[in-house]
Amino acid sequence: MAGKLFKYLFETVFMRAVRARISQPVALVYKNGGAHDQLKFDRVKVILLPPKCTSVYKSLDLGIIACLTKRCTRRLLDLVVHAF
């Protein structure tokens, strides 16, 4: 992902959601983010995973992605049902 796009999404999507829901400091774990380590924000710690560590964290990714997919699908279906 290009650095400018990542910074835009970080500021407009991630930070807006964090500020709306949480008042405590948070951590953003990001892999393969070599160009994105210069992002500094109050109450957000960006933790970059080293390159080529996907095989080590793959089982963690699958559980997190499955949970996130279920939540997003549920919200999308709720929006569709409420639209009708």
PDB file of N, CA and C in Angstrom:
ATOM      1  N   MET A   1       0.851  -1.165   0.000  1.00  0.00           N
ATOM      2  CA  MET A   1       0.000   0.000   0.000  1.00  0.00           C
ATOM      3  C   MET A   1       0.899   1.231   0.000  1.00  0.00           C
ATOM      4  N   ALA A   2       0.567   2.191  -0.801  1.00  0.00           N
ATOM      5  CA  ALA A   2       1.362   3.406  -0.900  1.00  0.00           C
ATOM      6  C   ALA A   2       1.305   4.178   0.419  1.00  0.00           C
ATOM      7  N   GLY A   3       2.387   4.863   0.722  1.00  0.00           N
ATOM      8  CA  GLY A   3       2.484   5.599   1.971  1.00  0.00           C
ATOM      9  C   GLY A   3       1.411   6.657   2.139  1.00  0.00           C
ATOM     10  N   LYS A   4       1.107   7.387   1.068  1.00  0.00           N
ATOM     11  CA  LYS A   4       0.085   8.432   1.151  1.00  0.00           C
ATOM     12  C   LYS A   4      -1.297   7.841   1.416  1.00  0.00           C
ATOM     13  N   LEU A   5      -1.619   6.738   0.752  1.00  0.00           N
ATOM     14  CA  LEU A   5      -2.912   6.097   0.951  1.00  0.00           C
ATOM     15  C   LEU A   5      -3.022   5.542   2.373  1.00  0.00           C
ATOM     16  N   PHE A   6      -1.960   4.917   2.853  1.00  0.00           N
ATOM     17  CA  PHE A   6      -1.966   4.388   4.210  1.00  0.00           C
ATOM     18  C   PHE A   6      -2.178   5.506   5.224  1.00  0.00           C
ATOM     19  N   LYS A   7      -1.475   6.607   5.056  1.00  0.00           N
ATOM     20  CA  LYS A   7      -1.604   7.729   5.979  1.00  0.00           C
ATOM     21  C   LYS A   7      -3.025   8.294   5.942  1.00  0.00           C
ATOM     22  N   TYR A   8      -3.599   8.411   4.752  1.00  0.00           N
ATOM     23  CA  TYR A   8      -4.971   8.911   4.617  1.00  0.00           C
ATOM     24  C   TYR A   8      -5.957   7.992   5.333  1.00  0.00           C
ATOM     25  N   LEU A   9      -5.860   6.680   5.093  1.00  0.00           N
ATOM     26  CA  LEU A   9      -6.757   5.730   5.740  1.00  0.00           C
ATOM     27  C   LEU A   9      -6.536   5.695   7.252  1.00  0.00           C
ATOM     28  N   PHE A  10      -5.296   5.802   7.661  1.00  0.00           N
ATOM     29  CA  PHE A  10      -4.972   5.808   9.086  1.00  0.00           C
ATOM     30  C   PHE A  10      -5.619   6.996   9.779  1.00  0.00           C
ATOM     31  N   GLU A  11      -5.498   8.178   9.167  1.00  0.00           N
ATOM     32  CA  GLU A  11      -6.034   9.393   9.787  1.00  0.00           C
ATOM     33  C   GLU A  11      -7.553   9.472   9.705  1.00  0.00           C
ATOM     34  N   THR A  12      -8.124   9.124   8.555  1.00  0.00           N
ATOM     35  CA  THR A  12      -9.561   9.332   8.370  1.00  0.00           C
ATOM     36  C   THR A  12     -10.420   8.170   8.848  1.00  0.00           C
ATOM     37  N   VAL A  13      -9.930   6.951   8.762  1.00  0.00           N
ATOM     38  CA  VAL A  13     -10.740   5.796   9.156  1.00  0.00           C
ATOM     39  C   VAL A  13     -10.341   5.298  10.539  1.00  0.00           C
ATOM     40  N   PHE A  14      -9.096   4.893  10.691  1.00  0.00           N
ATOM     41  CA  PHE A  14      -8.658   4.283  11.941  1.00  0.00           C
ATOM     42  C   PHE A  14      -8.725   5.269  13.107  1.00  0.00           C
ATOM     43  N   MET A  15      -8.118   6.437  12.954  1.00  0.00           N
ATOM     44  CA  MET A  15      -8.076   7.391  14.055  1.00  0.00           C
ATOM     45  C   MET A  15      -9.467   7.905  14.406  1.00  0.00           C
ATOM     46  N   ARG A  16     -10.327   8.106  13.416  1.00  0.00           N
ATOM     47  CA  ARG A  16     -11.685   8.561  13.692  1.00  0.00           C
ATOM     48  C   ARG A  16     -12.448   7.507  14.500  1.00  0.00           C
ATOM     49  N   ALA A  17     -12.290   6.248  14.139  1.00  0.00           N
ATOM     50  CA  ALA A  17     -12.964   5.166  14.868  1.00  0.00           C
ATOM     51  C   ALA A  17     -12.403   5.026  16.278  1.00  0.00           C
ATOM     52  N   VAL A  18     -11.101   5.162  16.430  1.00  0.00           N
ATOM     53  CA  VAL A  18     -10.477   5.050  17.750  1.00  0.00           C
ATOM     54  C   VAL A  18     -10.958   6.175  18.656  1.00  0.00           C
ATOM     55  N   ARG A  19     -10.952   7.384  18.164  1.00  0.00           N
ATOM     56  CA  ARG A  19     -11.368   8.529  18.982  1.00  0.00           C
ATOM     57  C   ARG A  19     -12.842   8.450  19.367  1.00  0.00           C
ATOM     58  N   ALA A  20     -13.667   7.886  18.494  1.00  0.00           N
ATOM     59  CA  ALA A  20     -15.102   7.798  18.774  1.00  0.00           C
ATOM     60  C   ALA A  20     -15.422   6.743  19.830  1.00  0.00           C
ATOM     61  N   ARG A  21     -14.580   5.729  19.981  1.00  0.00           N
ATOM     62  CA  ARG A  21     -14.922   4.602  20.848  1.00  0.00           C
ATOM     63  C   ARG A  21     -14.041   4.441  22.075  1.00  0.00           C
ATOM     64  N   ILE A  22     -12.805   4.903  21.999  1.00  0.00           N
ATOM     65  CA  ILE A  22     -11.845   4.569  23.050  1.00  0.00           C
ATOM     66  C   ILE A  22     -11.125   5.833  23.509  1.00  0.00           C
ATOM     67  N   SER A  23     -10.995   5.980  24.812  1.00  0.00           N
ATOM     68  CA  SER A  23     -10.255   7.124  25.347  1.00  0.00           C
ATOM     69  C   SER A  23      -8.864   6.714  25.848  1.00  0.00           C
ATOM     70  N   GLN A  24      -8.591   5.415  25.872  1.00  0.00           N
ATOM     71  CA  GLN A  24      -7.307   4.917  26.341  1.00  0.00           C
ATOM     72  C   GLN A  24      -6.340   4.758  25.156  1.00  0.00           C
ATOM     73  N   PRO A  25      -5.053   4.659  25.446  1.00  0.00           N
ATOM     74  CA  PRO A  25      -4.076   4.416  24.376  1.00  0.00           C
ATOM     75  C   PRO A  25      -4.327   3.066  23.707  1.00  0.00           C
ATOM     76  N   VAL A  26      -4.037   2.976  22.412  1.00  0.00           N
ATOM     77  CA  VAL A  26      -4.234   1.751  21.641  1.00  0.00           C
ATOM     78  C   VAL A  26      -2.959   1.401  20.890  1.00  0.00           C
ATOM     79  N   ALA A  27      -2.897   0.152  20.427  1.00  0.00           N
ATOM     80  CA  ALA A  27      -1.775  -0.318  19.624  1.00  0.00           C
ATOM     81  C   ALA A  27      -2.305  -0.795  18.283  1.00  0.00           C
ATOM     82  N   LEU A  28      -1.631  -0.425  17.216  1.00  0.00           N
ATOM     83  CA  LEU A  28      -1.943  -0.882  15.873  1.00  0.00           C
ATOM     84  C   LEU A  28      -0.794  -1.780  15.432  1.00  0.00           C
ATOM     85  N   VAL A  29      -1.088  -3.064  15.245  1.00  0.00           N
ATOM     86  CA  VAL A  29      -0.069  -4.017  14.807  1.00  0.00           C
ATOM     87  C   VAL A  29      -0.181  -4.125  13.299  1.00  0.00           C
ATOM     88  N   TYR A  30       0.933  -3.879  12.618  1.00  0.00           N
ATOM     89  CA  TYR A  30       0.936  -3.800  11.166  1.00  0.00           C
ATOM     90  C   TYR A  30       2.117  -4.587  10.628  1.00  0.00           C
ATOM     91  N   LYS A  31       1.875  -5.407   9.620  1.00  0.00           N
ATOM     92  CA  LYS A  31       2.991  -6.167   9.047  1.00  0.00           C
ATOM     93  C   LYS A  31       3.403  -5.577   7.702  1.00  0.00           C
ATOM     94  N   ASN A  32       4.649  -5.769   7.364  1.00  0.00           N
ATOM     95  CA  ASN A  32       5.233  -5.276   6.115  1.00  0.00           C
ATOM     96  C   ASN A  32       5.014  -3.783   5.945  1.00  0.00           C
ATOM     97  N   GLY A  33       5.287  -3.025   6.981  1.00  0.00           N
ATOM     98  CA  GLY A  33       5.052  -1.585   6.924  1.00  0.00           C
ATOM     99  C   GLY A  33       6.335  -0.794   6.967  1.00  0.00           C
ATOM    100  N   GLY A  34       7.289  -1.145   6.160  1.00  0.00           N
ATOM    101  CA  GLY A  34       8.574  -0.477   6.190  1.00  0.00           C
ATOM    102  C   GLY A  34       8.512   1.016   5.967  1.00  0.00           C
ATOM    103  N   ALA A  35       7.636   1.477   5.089  1.00  0.00           N
ATOM    104  CA  ALA A  35       7.554   2.906   4.779  1.00  0.00           C
ATOM    105  C   ALA A  35       6.615   3.642   5.711  1.00  0.00           C
ATOM    106  N   HIS A  36       5.930   2.939   6.593  1.00  0.00           N
ATOM    107  CA  HIS A  36       4.900   3.567   7.404  1.00  0.00           C
ATOM    108  C   HIS A  36       5.334   3.789   8.853  1.00  0.00           C
ATOM    109  N   ASP A  37       6.605   3.616   9.133  1.00  0.00           N
ATOM    110  CA  ASP A  37       7.050   3.729  10.518  1.00  0.00           C
ATOM    111  C   ASP A  37       7.158   5.177  10.993  1.00  0.00           C
ATOM    112  N   GLN A  38       6.991   6.152  10.115  1.00  0.00           N
ATOM    113  CA  GLN A  38       7.103   7.540  10.527  1.00  0.00           C
ATOM    114  C   GLN A  38       5.788   8.107  11.061  1.00  0.00           C
ATOM    115  N   LEU A  39       4.727   7.328  11.081  1.00  0.00           N
ATOM    116  CA  LEU A  39       3.455   7.802  11.610  1.00  0.00           C
ATOM    117  C   LEU A  39       3.524   7.899  13.126  1.00  0.00           C
ATOM    118  N   LYS A  40       3.238   9.081  13.641  1.00  0.00           N
ATOM    119  CA  LYS A  40       3.247   9.318  15.086  1.00  0.00           C
ATOM    120  C   LYS A  40       1.951  10.027  15.452  1.00  0.00           C
ATOM    121  N   PHE A  41       1.203   9.440  16.363  1.00  0.00           N
ATOM    122  CA  PHE A  41      -0.026  10.038  16.847  1.00  0.00           C
ATOM    123  C   PHE A  41      -0.125   9.849  18.340  1.00  0.00           C
ATOM    124  N   ASP A  42      -0.819  10.783  18.983  1.00  0.00           N
ATOM    125  CA  ASP A  42      -1.042  10.664  20.423  1.00  0.00           C
ATOM    126  C   ASP A  42      -1.905   9.447  20.715  1.00  0.00           C
ATOM    127  N   ARG A  43      -1.560   8.729  21.732  1.00  0.00           N
ATOM    128  CA  ARG A  43      -2.325   7.586  22.240  1.00  0.00           C
ATOM    129  C   ARG A  43      -2.405   6.420  21.260  1.00  0.00           C
ATOM    130  N   VAL A  44      -1.555   6.389  20.227  1.00  0.00           N
ATOM    131  CA  VAL A  44      -1.524   5.251  19.305  1.00  0.00           C
ATOM    132  C   VAL A  44      -0.079   4.806  19.151  1.00  0.00           C
ATOM    133  N   LYS A  45       0.166   3.554  19.467  1.00  0.00           N
ATOM    134  CA  LYS A  45       1.492   2.964  19.288  1.00  0.00           C
ATOM    135  C   LYS A  45       1.428   2.069  18.062  1.00  0.00           C
ATOM    136  N   VAL A  46       2.195   2.386  17.027  1.00  0.00           N
ATOM    137  CA  VAL A  46       2.245   1.577  15.815  1.00  0.00           C
ATOM    138  C   VAL A  46       3.354   0.544  15.996  1.00  0.00           C
ATOM    139  N   ILE A  47       2.983  -0.733  15.962  1.00  0.00           N
ATOM    140  CA  ILE A  47       3.933  -1.830  16.128  1.00  0.00           C
ATOM    141  C   ILE A  47       4.089  -2.509  14.773  1.00  0.00           C
ATOM    142  N   LEU A  48       5.280  -2.442  14.210  1.00  0.00           N
ATOM    143  CA  LEU A  48       5.539  -3.043  12.904  1.00  0.00           C
ATOM    144  C   LEU A  48       6.155  -4.419  13.084  1.00  0.00           C
ATOM    145  N   LEU A  49       5.548  -5.403  12.456  1.00  0.00           N
ATOM    146  CA  LEU A  49       6.097  -6.755  12.472  1.00  0.00           C
ATOM    147  C   LEU A  49       7.186  -6.857  11.414  1.00  0.00           C
ATOM    148  N   PRO A  50       8.180  -7.678  11.643  1.00  0.00           N
ATOM    149  CA  PRO A  50       9.251  -7.815  10.658  1.00  0.00           C
ATOM    150  C   PRO A  50       8.755  -8.482   9.375  1.00  0.00           C
ATOM    151  N   PRO A  51       9.433  -8.224   8.260  1.00  0.00           N
ATOM    152  CA  PRO A  51       9.038  -8.863   7.006  1.00  0.00           C
ATOM    153  C   PRO A  51       9.196 -10.379   7.072  1.00  0.00           C
ATOM    154  N   LYS A  52       8.413 -11.074   6.286  1.00  0.00           N
ATOM    155  CA  LYS A  52       8.469 -12.528   6.129  1.00  0.00           C
ATOM    156  C   LYS A  52       8.204 -13.281   7.435  1.00  0.00           C
ATOM    157  N   CYS A  53       7.289 -12.772   8.237  1.00  0.00           N
ATOM    158  CA  CYS A  53       6.919 -13.474   9.463  1.00  0.00           C
ATOM    159  C   CYS A  53       5.497 -14.007   9.377  1.00  0.00           C
ATOM    160  N   THR A  54       4.921 -14.008   8.182  1.00  0.00           N
ATOM    161  CA  THR A  54       3.536 -14.443   8.003  1.00  0.00           C
ATOM    162  C   THR A  54       3.337 -15.879   8.447  1.00  0.00           C
ATOM    163  N   SER A  55       4.285 -16.751   8.179  1.00  0.00           N
ATOM    164  CA  SER A  55       4.120 -18.153   8.550  1.00  0.00           C
ATOM    165  C   SER A  55       4.025 -18.328  10.060  1.00  0.00           C
ATOM    166  N   VAL A  56       4.676 -17.472  10.811  1.00  0.00           N
ATOM    167  CA  VAL A  56       4.637 -17.552  12.268  1.00  0.00           C
ATOM    168  C   VAL A  56       3.291 -17.081  12.802  1.00  0.00           C
ATOM    169  N   TYR A  57       2.760 -16.000  12.219  1.00  0.00           N
ATOM    170  CA  TYR A  57       1.531 -15.384  12.722  1.00  0.00           C
ATOM    171  C   TYR A  57       0.281 -15.790  11.944  1.00  0.00           C
ATOM    172  N   LYS A  58       0.415 -16.714  11.004  1.00  0.00           N
ATOM    173  CA  LYS A  58      -0.717 -17.064  10.151  1.00  0.00           C
ATOM    174  C   LYS A  58      -1.919 -17.574  10.947  1.00  0.00           C
ATOM    175  N   SER A  59      -1.700 -18.410  11.930  1.00  0.00           N
ATOM    176  CA  SER A  59      -2.833 -18.909  12.717  1.00  0.00           C
ATOM    177  C   SER A  59      -3.522 -17.783  13.474  1.00  0.00           C
ATOM    178  N   LEU A  60      -2.763 -16.801  13.948  1.00  0.00           N
ATOM    179  CA  LEU A  60      -3.368 -15.650  14.605  1.00  0.00           C
ATOM    180  C   LEU A  60      -4.183 -14.838  13.610  1.00  0.00           C
ATOM    181  N   ASP A  61      -3.640 -14.653  12.404  1.00  0.00           N
ATOM    182  CA  ASP A  61      -4.345 -13.909  11.358  1.00  0.00           C
ATOM    183  C   ASP A  61      -5.681 -14.558  11.028  1.00  0.00           C
ATOM    184  N   LEU A  62      -5.688 -15.872  10.904  1.00  0.00           N
ATOM    185  CA  LEU A  62      -6.913 -16.566  10.519  1.00  0.00           C
ATOM    186  C   LEU A  62      -8.021 -16.366  11.546  1.00  0.00           C
ATOM    187  N   GLY A  63      -7.697 -16.441  12.812  1.00  0.00           N
ATOM    188  CA  GLY A  63      -8.707 -16.236  13.842  1.00  0.00           C
ATOM    189  C   GLY A  63      -9.234 -14.815  13.869  1.00  0.00           C
ATOM    190  N   ILE A  64      -8.341 -13.851  13.735  1.00  0.00           N
ATOM    191  CA  ILE A  64      -8.743 -12.452  13.744  1.00  0.00           C
ATOM    192  C   ILE A  64      -9.549 -12.121  12.497  1.00  0.00           C
ATOM    193  N   ILE A  65      -9.097 -12.587  11.345  1.00  0.00           N
ATOM    194  CA  ILE A  65      -9.801 -12.313  10.097  1.00  0.00           C
ATOM    195  C   ILE A  65     -11.177 -12.964  10.091  1.00  0.00           C
ATOM    196  N   ALA A  66     -11.286 -14.180  10.594  1.00  0.00           N
ATOM    197  CA  ALA A  66     -12.588 -14.859  10.637  1.00  0.00           C
ATOM    198  C   ALA A  66     -13.567 -14.088  11.518  1.00  0.00           C
ATOM    199  N   CYS A  67     -13.117 -13.639  12.669  1.00  0.00           N
ATOM    200  CA  CYS A  67     -13.974 -12.876  13.577  1.00  0.00           C
ATOM    201  C   CYS A  67     -14.391 -11.554  12.945  1.00  0.00           C
ATOM    202  N   LEU A  68     -13.452 -10.867  12.336  1.00  0.00           N
ATOM    203  CA  LEU A  68     -13.749  -9.593  11.686  1.00  0.00           C
ATOM    204  C   LEU A  68     -14.701  -9.775  10.510  1.00  0.00           C
ATOM    205  N   THR A  69     -14.514 -10.828   9.737  1.00  0.00           N
ATOM    206  CA  THR A  69     -15.388 -11.101   8.595  1.00  0.00           C
ATOM    207  C   THR A  69     -16.815 -11.356   9.054  1.00  0.00           C
ATOM    208  N   LYS A  70     -16.978 -12.106  10.125  1.00  0.00           N
ATOM    209  CA  LYS A  70     -18.317 -12.372  10.657  1.00  0.00           C
ATOM    210  C   LYS A  70     -18.999 -11.085  11.112  1.00  0.00           C
ATOM    211  N   ARG A  71     -18.261 -10.237  11.805  1.00  0.00           N
ATOM    212  CA  ARG A  71     -18.840  -8.980  12.284  1.00  0.00           C
ATOM    213  C   ARG A  71     -19.212  -8.065  11.137  1.00  0.00           C
ATOM    214  N   CYS A  72     -18.345  -7.962  10.138  1.00  0.00           N
ATOM    215  CA  CYS A  72     -18.631  -7.090   8.985  1.00  0.00           C
ATOM    216  C   CYS A  72     -19.807  -7.621   8.181  1.00  0.00           C
ATOM    217  N   THR A  73     -19.871  -8.929   8.005  1.00  0.00           N
ATOM    218  CA  THR A  73     -20.996  -9.530   7.277  1.00  0.00           C
ATOM    219  C   THR A  73     -22.295  -9.279   8.018  1.00  0.00           C
ATOM    220  N   ARG A  74     -22.277  -9.422   9.319  1.00  0.00           N
ATOM    221  CA  ARG A  74     -23.479  -9.185  10.126  1.00  0.00           C
ATOM    222  C   ARG A  74     -23.944  -7.735  10.012  1.00  0.00           C
ATOM    223  N   ARG A  75     -23.008  -6.804  10.092  1.00  0.00           N
ATOM    224  CA  ARG A  75     -23.371  -5.388   9.976  1.00  0.00           C
ATOM    225  C   ARG A  75     -23.903  -5.068   8.585  1.00  0.00           C
ATOM    226  N   LEU A  76     -23.289  -5.624   7.567  1.00  0.00           N
ATOM    227  CA  LEU A  76     -23.752  -5.396   6.201  1.00  0.00           C
ATOM    228  C   LEU A  76     -25.160  -5.936   6.015  1.00  0.00           C
ATOM    229  N   LEU A  77     -25.413  -7.139   6.517  1.00  0.00           N
ATOM    230  CA  LEU A  77     -26.754  -7.717   6.411  1.00  0.00           C
ATOM    231  C   LEU A  77     -27.776  -6.895   7.196  1.00  0.00           C
ATOM    232  N   ASP A  78     -27.405  -6.387   8.357  1.00  0.00           N
ATOM    233  CA  ASP A  78     -28.311  -5.520   9.111  1.00  0.00           C
ATOM    234  C   ASP A  78     -28.655  -4.257   8.322  1.00  0.00           C
ATOM    235  N   LEU A  79     -27.670  -3.672   7.657  1.00  0.00           N
ATOM    236  CA  LEU A  79     -27.928  -2.481   6.853  1.00  0.00           C
ATOM    237  C   LEU A  79     -28.868  -2.781   5.685  1.00  0.00           C
ATOM    238  N   VAL A  80     -28.659  -3.924   5.040  1.00  0.00           N
ATOM    239  CA  VAL A  80     -29.505  -4.311   3.913  1.00  0.00           C
ATOM    240  C   VAL A  80     -30.933  -4.556   4.387  1.00  0.00           C
ATOM    241  N   VAL A  81     -31.102  -5.255   5.498  1.00  0.00           N
ATOM    242  CA  VAL A  81     -32.440  -5.556   6.010  1.00  0.00           C
ATOM    243  C   VAL A  81     -33.156  -4.264   6.413  1.00  0.00           C
ATOM    244  N   HIS A  82     -32.447  -3.366   7.069  1.00  0.00           N
ATOM    245  CA  HIS A  82     -33.065  -2.105   7.490  1.00  0.00           C
ATOM    246  C   HIS A  82     -33.402  -1.210   6.293  1.00  0.00           C
ATOM    247  N   ALA A  83     -32.677  -1.354   5.206  1.00  0.00           N
ATOM    248  CA  ALA A  83     -32.967  -0.562   4.010  1.00  0.00           C
ATOM    249  C   ALA A  83     -34.298  -0.958   3.383  1.00  0.00           C
ATOM    250  N   PHE A  84     -34.671  -2.216   3.558  1.00  0.00           N
ATOM    251  CA  PHE A  84     -35.944  -2.686   3.012  1.00  0.00           C
ATOM    252  C   PHE A  84     -37.010  -2.583   4.054  1.00  0.00           C
TER     253      PHE A  84
END
